[in-house]
């Protein structure tokens, strides 16, 4: 984009305006690109943390039902592809939270 802007600027503007216009573009574009990258990286980290939080119980810090459902689905699909048997043992702890 910057190269196209420079080409248009050179073709249409007087020579004394070209340098000022180019410097103005660069002075705006590079800091803006840095800000966009920083925001993007922050959002990416936040999404990762929220995704992990959605799979973890707040009380225990252990994986929750959603995590179990996803893992079980992955294991069933893997067993179907490989033809290997799959066993699942689930235990419910009564009064665990009290």
N, C-alpha and C. Protein backbone atom coordinates (compact mmCIF):
# COMPACT_ATOMS: atom_id res chain seq x y z
N UNK A 1 0.82 -1.18 0.00
CA UNK A 1 0.00 0.00 0.00
C UNK A 1 0.86 1.25 0.00
N UNK A 2 1.91 1.26 0.82
CA UNK A 2 2.77 2.43 0.90
C UNK A 2 3.46 2.70 -0.43
N UNK A 3 3.86 1.64 -1.11
CA UNK A 3 4.49 1.80 -2.42
C UNK A 3 3.54 2.39 -3.45
N UNK A 4 2.29 1.96 -3.43
CA UNK A 4 1.29 2.50 -4.35
C UNK A 4 1.03 3.96 -4.04
N UNK A 5 0.97 4.30 -2.75
CA UNK A 5 0.76 5.69 -2.36
C UNK A 5 1.92 6.56 -2.84
N UNK A 6 3.15 6.08 -2.69
CA UNK A 6 4.31 6.82 -3.14
C UNK A 6 4.29 7.02 -4.65
N UNK A 7 3.91 5.99 -5.40
CA UNK A 7 3.84 6.11 -6.86
C UNK A 7 2.82 7.16 -7.28
N UNK A 8 1.66 7.16 -6.65
CA UNK A 8 0.64 8.16 -6.97
C UNK A 8 1.13 9.55 -6.57
N UNK A 9 1.76 9.64 -5.42
CA UNK A 9 2.27 10.91 -4.94
C UNK A 9 3.32 11.47 -5.90
N UNK A 10 4.24 10.63 -6.33
CA UNK A 10 5.29 11.07 -7.26
C UNK A 10 4.68 11.50 -8.59
N UNK A 11 3.67 10.77 -9.06
CA UNK A 11 3.07 11.06 -10.37
C UNK A 11 2.19 12.31 -10.35
N UNK A 12 1.64 12.65 -9.21
CA UNK A 12 0.64 13.72 -9.20
C UNK A 12 1.03 14.97 -8.43
N UNK A 13 1.98 14.87 -7.53
CA UNK A 13 2.29 16.01 -6.66
C UNK A 13 3.60 16.67 -7.08
N UNK A 14 3.72 17.94 -6.76
CA UNK A 14 5.00 18.62 -7.01
C UNK A 14 6.10 17.99 -6.16
N UNK A 15 7.35 18.03 -6.61
CA UNK A 15 8.46 17.37 -5.90
C UNK A 15 8.61 17.78 -4.45
N UNK A 16 8.35 19.04 -4.12
CA UNK A 16 8.53 19.47 -2.74
C UNK A 16 7.46 18.89 -1.81
N UNK A 17 6.32 18.48 -2.35
CA UNK A 17 5.24 17.91 -1.54
C UNK A 17 5.44 16.41 -1.34
N UNK A 18 6.16 15.76 -2.25
CA UNK A 18 6.34 14.31 -2.20
C UNK A 18 7.02 13.89 -0.91
N UNK A 19 8.12 14.52 -0.56
CA UNK A 19 8.84 14.12 0.64
C UNK A 19 8.00 14.33 1.89
N UNK A 20 7.31 15.46 1.98
CA UNK A 20 6.48 15.73 3.15
C UNK A 20 5.32 14.75 3.23
N UNK A 21 4.69 14.47 2.10
CA UNK A 21 3.57 13.52 2.09
C UNK A 21 4.02 12.12 2.46
N UNK A 22 5.18 11.73 1.95
CA UNK A 22 5.70 10.40 2.25
C UNK A 22 6.07 10.28 3.72
N UNK A 23 6.72 11.28 4.28
CA UNK A 23 7.08 11.25 5.69
C UNK A 23 5.84 11.24 6.58
N UNK A 24 4.82 11.98 6.18
CA UNK A 24 3.57 11.98 6.95
C UNK A 24 2.95 10.59 6.95
N UNK A 25 2.91 9.95 5.79
CA UNK A 25 2.36 8.60 5.71
C UNK A 25 3.14 7.63 6.60
N UNK A 26 4.45 7.67 6.50
CA UNK A 26 5.28 6.75 7.28
C UNK A 26 5.14 7.03 8.78
N UNK A 27 5.06 8.32 9.14
CA UNK A 27 4.93 8.69 10.55
C UNK A 27 3.61 8.22 11.14
N UNK A 28 2.59 8.06 10.32
CA UNK A 28 1.29 7.59 10.78
C UNK A 28 1.18 6.07 10.69
N UNK A 29 1.65 5.53 9.58
CA UNK A 29 1.45 4.12 9.29
C UNK A 29 2.21 3.18 10.23
N UNK A 30 3.49 3.46 10.48
CA UNK A 30 4.28 2.54 11.30
C UNK A 30 3.82 2.48 12.76
N UNK A 31 3.59 3.61 13.41
CA UNK A 31 3.06 3.50 14.78
C UNK A 31 1.68 2.84 14.83
N UNK A 32 0.85 3.12 13.83
CA UNK A 32 -0.48 2.50 13.80
C UNK A 32 -0.35 0.99 13.65
N UNK A 33 0.57 0.55 12.82
CA UNK A 33 0.78 -0.89 12.64
C UNK A 33 1.25 -1.53 13.93
N UNK A 34 2.11 -0.84 14.67
CA UNK A 34 2.57 -1.36 15.96
C UNK A 34 1.43 -1.47 16.96
N UNK A 35 0.56 -0.47 16.98
CA UNK A 35 -0.60 -0.53 17.88
C UNK A 35 -1.54 -1.66 17.50
N UNK A 36 -1.80 -1.82 16.22
CA UNK A 36 -2.68 -2.90 15.76
C UNK A 36 -2.09 -4.26 16.15
N UNK A 37 -0.79 -4.42 15.99
CA UNK A 37 -0.15 -5.69 16.35
C UNK A 37 -0.26 -5.94 17.85
N UNK A 38 -0.05 -4.90 18.67
CA UNK A 38 -0.13 -5.06 20.12
C UNK A 38 -1.55 -5.43 20.54
N UNK A 39 -2.54 -4.78 19.96
CA UNK A 39 -3.94 -5.10 20.28
C UNK A 39 -4.27 -6.52 19.85
N UNK A 40 -3.84 -6.90 18.65
CA UNK A 40 -4.10 -8.25 18.15
C UNK A 40 -3.48 -9.30 19.07
N UNK A 41 -2.24 -9.08 19.49
CA UNK A 41 -1.58 -10.03 20.39
C UNK A 41 -2.30 -10.11 21.73
N UNK A 42 -2.75 -8.97 22.24
CA UNK A 42 -3.49 -8.96 23.49
C UNK A 42 -4.80 -9.72 23.39
N UNK A 43 -5.50 -9.52 22.29
CA UNK A 43 -6.77 -10.22 22.08
C UNK A 43 -6.54 -11.71 21.94
N UNK A 44 -5.49 -12.09 21.24
CA UNK A 44 -5.16 -13.52 21.08
C UNK A 44 -4.89 -14.17 22.43
N UNK A 45 -4.11 -13.50 23.28
CA UNK A 45 -3.83 -14.05 24.61
C UNK A 45 -5.10 -14.13 25.45
N UNK A 46 -5.96 -13.12 25.35
CA UNK A 46 -7.20 -13.13 26.11
C UNK A 46 -8.11 -14.27 25.67
N UNK A 47 -8.20 -14.50 24.37
CA UNK A 47 -9.03 -15.60 23.87
C UNK A 47 -8.50 -16.94 24.36
N UNK A 48 -7.18 -17.11 24.37
CA UNK A 48 -6.60 -18.37 24.88
C UNK A 48 -6.93 -18.57 26.35
N UNK A 49 -6.79 -17.49 27.15
CA UNK A 49 -7.09 -17.60 28.58
C UNK A 49 -8.56 -17.87 28.83
N UNK A 50 -9.43 -17.23 28.06
CA UNK A 50 -10.87 -17.46 28.23
C UNK A 50 -11.26 -18.87 27.79
N UNK A 51 -10.63 -19.37 26.74
CA UNK A 51 -10.91 -20.73 26.28
C UNK A 51 -10.51 -21.75 27.35
N UNK A 52 -9.37 -21.52 27.97
CA UNK A 52 -8.93 -22.42 29.04
C UNK A 52 -9.84 -22.30 30.25
N UNK A 53 -10.25 -21.08 30.58
CA UNK A 53 -11.15 -20.87 31.72
C UNK A 53 -12.50 -21.55 31.50
N UNK A 54 -12.95 -21.61 30.25
CA UNK A 54 -14.23 -22.25 29.96
C UNK A 54 -14.18 -23.75 30.17
N UNK A 55 -12.99 -24.33 30.19
CA UNK A 55 -12.84 -25.78 30.35
C UNK A 55 -12.41 -26.18 31.77
N UNK A 56 -12.32 -25.19 32.67
CA UNK A 56 -11.81 -25.45 34.01
C UNK A 56 -12.81 -24.97 35.05
N UNK A 57 -13.04 -25.79 36.07
CA UNK A 57 -13.93 -25.41 37.16
C UNK A 57 -13.27 -24.39 38.07
N UNK A 58 -14.03 -23.37 38.45
CA UNK A 58 -13.45 -22.31 39.29
C UNK A 58 -13.19 -22.79 40.72
N UNK A 59 -14.00 -23.69 41.21
CA UNK A 59 -13.84 -24.15 42.59
C UNK A 59 -12.62 -25.05 42.76
N UNK A 60 -12.44 -25.98 41.85
CA UNK A 60 -11.39 -26.99 41.99
C UNK A 60 -10.17 -26.74 41.11
N UNK A 61 -10.35 -26.01 40.01
CA UNK A 61 -9.27 -25.85 39.05
C UNK A 61 -9.10 -27.07 38.15
N UNK A 62 -10.01 -28.03 38.30
CA UNK A 62 -9.97 -29.25 37.49
C UNK A 62 -10.78 -29.06 36.22
N UNK A 63 -10.55 -29.92 35.26
CA UNK A 63 -11.30 -29.86 34.00
C UNK A 63 -12.78 -30.11 34.29
N UNK A 64 -13.67 -29.44 33.55
CA UNK A 64 -15.11 -29.55 33.80
C UNK A 64 -15.80 -30.45 32.78
N UNK A 65 -17.12 -30.42 32.82
CA UNK A 65 -17.93 -31.29 31.96
C UNK A 65 -17.70 -30.99 30.48
N UNK A 66 -17.58 -29.72 30.13
CA UNK A 66 -17.33 -29.35 28.73
C UNK A 66 -16.01 -29.95 28.25
N UNK A 67 -14.99 -29.88 29.09
CA UNK A 67 -13.70 -30.47 28.74
C UNK A 67 -13.82 -31.99 28.58
N UNK A 68 -14.58 -32.62 29.48
CA UNK A 68 -14.80 -34.07 29.39
C UNK A 68 -15.50 -34.43 28.08
N UNK A 69 -16.55 -33.67 27.75
CA UNK A 69 -17.29 -33.95 26.51
C UNK A 69 -16.40 -33.83 25.28
N UNK A 70 -15.57 -32.79 25.24
CA UNK A 70 -14.67 -32.60 24.09
C UNK A 70 -13.62 -33.71 24.01
N UNK A 71 -13.03 -34.04 25.15
CA UNK A 71 -12.00 -35.08 25.16
C UNK A 71 -12.59 -36.43 24.79
N UNK A 72 -13.78 -36.72 25.32
CA UNK A 72 -14.44 -37.98 25.01
C UNK A 72 -14.75 -38.08 23.52
N UNK A 73 -15.23 -37.00 22.93
CA UNK A 73 -15.52 -36.99 21.50
C UNK A 73 -14.25 -37.24 20.69
N UNK A 74 -13.15 -36.60 21.07
CA UNK A 74 -11.88 -36.82 20.37
C UNK A 74 -11.42 -38.26 20.48
N UNK A 75 -11.55 -38.84 21.67
CA UNK A 75 -11.11 -40.22 21.87
C UNK A 75 -11.99 -41.22 21.12
N UNK A 76 -13.29 -40.97 21.08
CA UNK A 76 -14.20 -41.85 20.33
C UNK A 76 -13.85 -41.80 18.84
N UNK A 77 -13.64 -40.60 18.32
CA UNK A 77 -13.26 -40.46 16.91
C UNK A 77 -11.94 -41.16 16.61
N UNK A 78 -10.99 -41.03 17.53
CA UNK A 78 -9.69 -41.68 17.36
C UNK A 78 -9.83 -43.20 17.37
N UNK A 79 -10.65 -43.71 18.29
CA UNK A 79 -10.87 -45.16 18.36
C UNK A 79 -11.56 -45.68 17.11
N UNK A 80 -12.50 -44.92 16.59
CA UNK A 80 -13.20 -45.33 15.36
C UNK A 80 -12.24 -45.36 14.18
N UNK A 81 -11.35 -44.37 14.09
CA UNK A 81 -10.38 -44.33 12.98
C UNK A 81 -9.39 -45.48 13.07
N UNK A 82 -8.90 -45.76 14.28
CA UNK A 82 -7.86 -46.77 14.44
C UNK A 82 -8.40 -48.19 14.57
N UNK A 83 -9.69 -48.30 14.91
CA UNK A 83 -10.26 -49.62 15.11
C UNK A 83 -9.92 -50.21 16.47
N UNK A 84 -9.28 -49.45 17.32
CA UNK A 84 -8.92 -49.91 18.67
C UNK A 84 -10.12 -49.77 19.60
N UNK A 85 -10.23 -50.67 20.58
CA UNK A 85 -11.34 -50.54 21.54
C UNK A 85 -11.12 -49.33 22.46
N UNK A 86 -12.22 -48.84 23.00
CA UNK A 86 -12.18 -47.70 23.90
C UNK A 86 -13.01 -48.02 25.14
N UNK A 87 -12.42 -47.81 26.29
CA UNK A 87 -13.15 -48.00 27.55
C UNK A 87 -13.20 -46.67 28.28
N UNK A 88 -14.34 -46.44 28.92
CA UNK A 88 -14.51 -45.21 29.69
C UNK A 88 -15.02 -45.58 31.06
N UNK A 89 -14.39 -45.05 32.09
CA UNK A 89 -14.83 -45.24 33.47
C UNK A 89 -15.11 -43.86 34.04
N UNK A 90 -16.33 -43.67 34.54
CA UNK A 90 -16.71 -42.39 35.12
C UNK A 90 -17.15 -42.62 36.54
N UNK A 91 -16.69 -41.77 37.43
CA UNK A 91 -17.05 -41.90 38.85
C UNK A 91 -17.62 -40.58 39.30
N UNK A 92 -18.71 -40.62 39.99
CA UNK A 92 -19.34 -39.43 40.55
C UNK A 92 -19.06 -39.39 42.04
N UNK A 93 -18.54 -38.29 42.49
CA UNK A 93 -18.26 -38.12 43.92
C UNK A 93 -19.41 -37.35 44.56
N UNK A 94 -20.15 -38.01 45.40
CA UNK A 94 -21.28 -37.36 46.08
C UNK A 94 -20.76 -36.35 47.10
N UNK A 95 -21.43 -35.24 47.18
CA UNK A 95 -21.13 -34.19 48.16
C UNK A 95 -19.70 -33.66 48.01
N UNK A 96 -19.18 -33.66 46.80
CA UNK A 96 -17.81 -33.24 46.56
C UNK A 96 -17.60 -31.77 46.91
N UNK A 97 -18.58 -30.93 46.57
CA UNK A 97 -18.42 -29.48 46.78
C UNK A 97 -18.74 -29.05 48.20
N UNK A 98 -19.33 -29.90 48.97
CA UNK A 98 -19.69 -29.47 50.33
C UNK A 98 -18.67 -29.86 51.36
